Protein backbone atom coordinates (compact mmCIF):
# COMPACT_ATOMS: atom_id res chain seq x y z
CA MET A 1 -13.91 -0.93 16.48
CA ALA A 2 -11.50 2.01 16.29
CA PHE A 3 -9.32 0.32 13.78
CA GLN A 4 -12.25 -0.73 11.55
CA GLN A 5 -13.70 2.84 11.61
CA GLU A 6 -10.25 4.21 10.59
CA VAL A 7 -9.97 1.89 7.66
CA LYS A 8 -13.62 2.55 6.66
CA ASP A 9 -13.20 6.27 6.60
CA ASP A 10 -9.68 6.16 5.15
CA GLN A 11 -9.19 9.51 3.43
CA LEU A 12 -5.36 8.97 3.35
CA THR A 13 -5.54 6.04 0.76
CA GLY A 14 -8.21 7.90 -1.11
CA LYS A 15 -5.85 10.89 -1.55
CA ILE A 16 -2.98 8.54 -2.50
CA ILE A 17 -5.15 6.88 -5.11
CA GLY A 18 -6.08 10.35 -6.41
CA CYS A 19 -2.42 11.23 -6.82
CA ALA A 20 -1.66 7.91 -8.61
CA ILE A 21 -4.69 8.66 -10.99
CA ASP A 22 -3.16 12.04 -11.73
CA VAL A 23 0.32 10.50 -12.62
CA HIS A 24 -1.30 7.81 -14.72
CA LYS A 25 -3.38 10.36 -16.66
CA GLU A 26 -0.34 12.50 -17.28
CA LEU A 27 2.17 9.77 -18.10
CA GLY A 28 -0.05 7.13 -19.70
CA PRO A 29 0.29 3.32 -19.29
CA HIS A 30 3.57 2.34 -21.01
CA GLN A 31 6.35 3.96 -19.06
CA PRO A 32 9.09 2.19 -16.89
CA GLU A 33 8.10 1.71 -13.22
CA HIS A 34 10.81 4.07 -11.97
CA LEU A 35 9.15 6.99 -13.82
CA TYR A 36 5.86 6.36 -12.12
CA ARG A 37 7.60 6.18 -8.69
CA GLU A 38 9.37 9.47 -9.38
CA GLY A 39 6.14 11.00 -10.65
CA LEU A 40 4.09 9.82 -7.79
CA CYS A 41 6.69 11.37 -5.37
CA VAL A 42 6.26 14.65 -7.09
CA VAL A 43 2.48 14.62 -6.75
CA LEU A 44 2.63 13.34 -3.21
CA GLU A 45 4.94 16.22 -2.23
CA ASP A 46 2.57 18.69 -4.07
CA GLU A 47 -0.28 17.33 -2.06
CA GLY A 48 1.68 17.90 1.21
CA LEU A 49 2.05 14.22 2.06
CA GLU A 50 5.18 12.96 3.63
CA TYR A 51 6.76 9.95 2.09
CA GLU A 52 9.91 8.00 1.79
CA ARG A 53 11.24 6.07 -1.23
CA GLU A 54 12.71 2.68 -0.89
CA TYR A 55 11.62 2.41 2.74
CA GLU A 56 13.82 -0.23 4.41
CA VAL A 57 12.28 -2.94 6.53
CA GLU A 58 13.98 -5.52 8.66
CA ILE A 59 13.26 -9.14 7.90
CA THR A 60 13.43 -11.18 11.10
CA LEU A 61 13.15 -14.83 12.14
CA ARG A 62 12.67 -15.80 15.78
CA GLY A 63 13.41 -12.22 16.82
CA ARG A 64 16.67 -11.96 14.89
CA LYS A 65 17.31 -9.85 11.82
CA ILE A 66 18.11 -12.11 8.80
CA GLY A 67 17.86 -9.49 6.07
CA THR A 68 16.33 -6.27 4.69
CA GLY A 69 13.51 -5.54 2.33
CA PHE A 70 12.30 -2.38 0.77
CA VAL A 71 8.84 -0.79 0.35
CA ASP A 72 8.59 1.24 -2.89
CA ILE A 73 7.08 4.16 -1.12
CA MET A 74 5.96 4.69 2.55
CA VAL A 75 3.36 7.39 2.95
CA GLU A 76 2.90 9.25 6.16
CA ASP A 77 4.46 6.18 8.14
CA GLU A 78 1.06 4.49 7.52
CA VAL A 79 0.54 3.23 3.99
CA ALA A 80 3.16 1.01 2.11
CA LEU A 81 2.93 1.36 -1.59
CA GLU A 82 3.92 -1.32 -4.15
CA LEU A 83 4.23 0.02 -7.62
CA LYS A 84 4.01 -1.99 -10.80
CA ALA A 85 4.07 -1.22 -14.42
CA VAL A 86 2.81 -4.57 -16.00
CA LYS A 87 -0.01 -5.60 -18.05
CA LYS A 88 -1.69 -7.37 -15.18
CA THR A 89 -0.83 -7.82 -11.57
CA THR A 90 -0.64 -11.42 -10.12
CA LYS A 91 -1.31 -12.94 -6.81
CA ASP A 92 2.49 -12.88 -6.30
CA HIS A 93 2.50 -9.13 -6.50
CA TYR A 94 -0.46 -8.85 -4.01
CA ASN A 95 1.39 -11.16 -1.66
CA GLN A 96 4.53 -9.03 -1.85
CA LEU A 97 2.46 -5.99 -0.83
CA GLY A 98 1.13 -8.01 2.13
CA ARG A 99 4.56 -9.02 3.24
CA ASN A 100 5.90 -5.49 2.96
CA VAL A 101 2.75 -4.20 4.95
CA HIS A 102 3.43 -6.68 7.83
CA ALA A 103 7.21 -6.18 7.75
CA SER A 104 7.06 -2.43 7.81
CA GLY A 105 4.33 -2.36 10.44
CA ALA A 106 2.16 -0.17 8.22
CA SER A 107 -1.60 -0.22 8.87
CA ARG A 108 -2.43 -0.73 5.32
CA GLY A 109 -1.01 -1.01 1.70
CA LEU A 110 -1.84 -0.28 -1.86
CA LEU A 111 -0.76 -2.11 -4.97
CA LEU A 112 -0.71 0.44 -7.71
CA ASN A 113 -0.42 -0.84 -11.35
CA PHE A 114 0.40 1.86 -13.88
CA GLY A 115 0.87 -0.66 -16.69
CA GLU A 116 -2.84 -1.21 -17.57
CA THR A 117 -5.04 1.16 -19.61
CA THR A 118 -6.50 2.49 -16.43
CA LEU A 119 -4.75 2.51 -13.07
CA SER A 120 -5.64 -0.42 -11.14
CA THR A 121 -5.32 -0.66 -7.34
CA ARG A 122 -5.60 -3.35 -4.64
CA ARG A 123 -5.53 -2.68 -1.02
CA TRP A 124 -4.19 -4.73 1.86
CA VAL A 125 -5.26 -4.01 5.55
CA ASN A 126 -2.87 -5.28 8.19
CA SER A 127 -5.06 -7.53 10.04
CA ARG A 128 -2.37 -8.05 12.58
CA LEU A 129 -2.88 -4.51 13.79
CA LYS A 130 -6.61 -5.03 13.57
CA LYS A 131 -6.35 -7.94 16.00
CA ASP A 132 -4.06 -5.92 18.42
CA ASP A 133 -6.74 -3.16 18.38
CA GLU A 134 -9.55 -5.51 19.06
CA GLU A 135 -7.71 -7.34 21.91
CA ALA A 136 -7.14 -3.92 23.50
CA GLU A 137 -10.80 -3.33 23.31
CA GLY A 138 -11.60 -6.87 24.46
CA THR A 139 -13.33 -7.99 21.34
CA ASP A 140 -12.52 -10.72 18.72
CA ASP A 141 -14.22 -11.15 15.40
CA GLY A 142 -12.53 -14.55 14.69
CA THR A 143 -10.89 -13.37 11.43
CA GLU A 144 -7.78 -15.08 10.05
CA ASP A 145 -4.41 -13.32 10.14
CA LYS A 146 -4.43 -12.01 6.58
CA GLY A 147 -5.07 -8.93 4.64
CA THR A 148 -8.28 -7.83 2.77
CA GLU A 149 -8.59 -6.21 -0.59
CA ASP A 150 -10.53 -3.56 -2.26
CA GLU A 151 -10.21 -3.04 -6.01
CA VAL A 152 -10.51 0.45 -7.49
CA ALA A 153 -10.23 1.40 -11.11
CA GLU A 154 -9.57 4.82 -12.62
CA SER A 155 -12.66 6.12 -14.27
CA SER A 156 -11.91 7.53 -17.69
């Protein structure tokens, strides 16, 4: 229950989405992705949020490191951000977010697409952490081991 309550009352992702909306309003929809990344870092910093660009994650197989991956931005060691500047995000973009959320151990992630006329977002909740929390509380809701999504569009 604690994990579900935390996600339901998630002010941090709301604040991050607000920062991304500010960046999108100021830069518009047709800039290269790296400018949105740098702009978002400026706004996150102005809002007093801790972040790390190109957050490195270990990719493991059977308990052994086989490579590294990168999260575009990790905020407050809790939220993995995957930034895009494309006309429309795909299932592959969303799956990439999910892999990054799981590999980084983040509790949730946001796919932020600055390439559309209005900022689009998709959310991923790390159900692996949800299961761990529920097992600690002695409950099981029978959900599969996959993320969930919410879509939010910037209001113009």
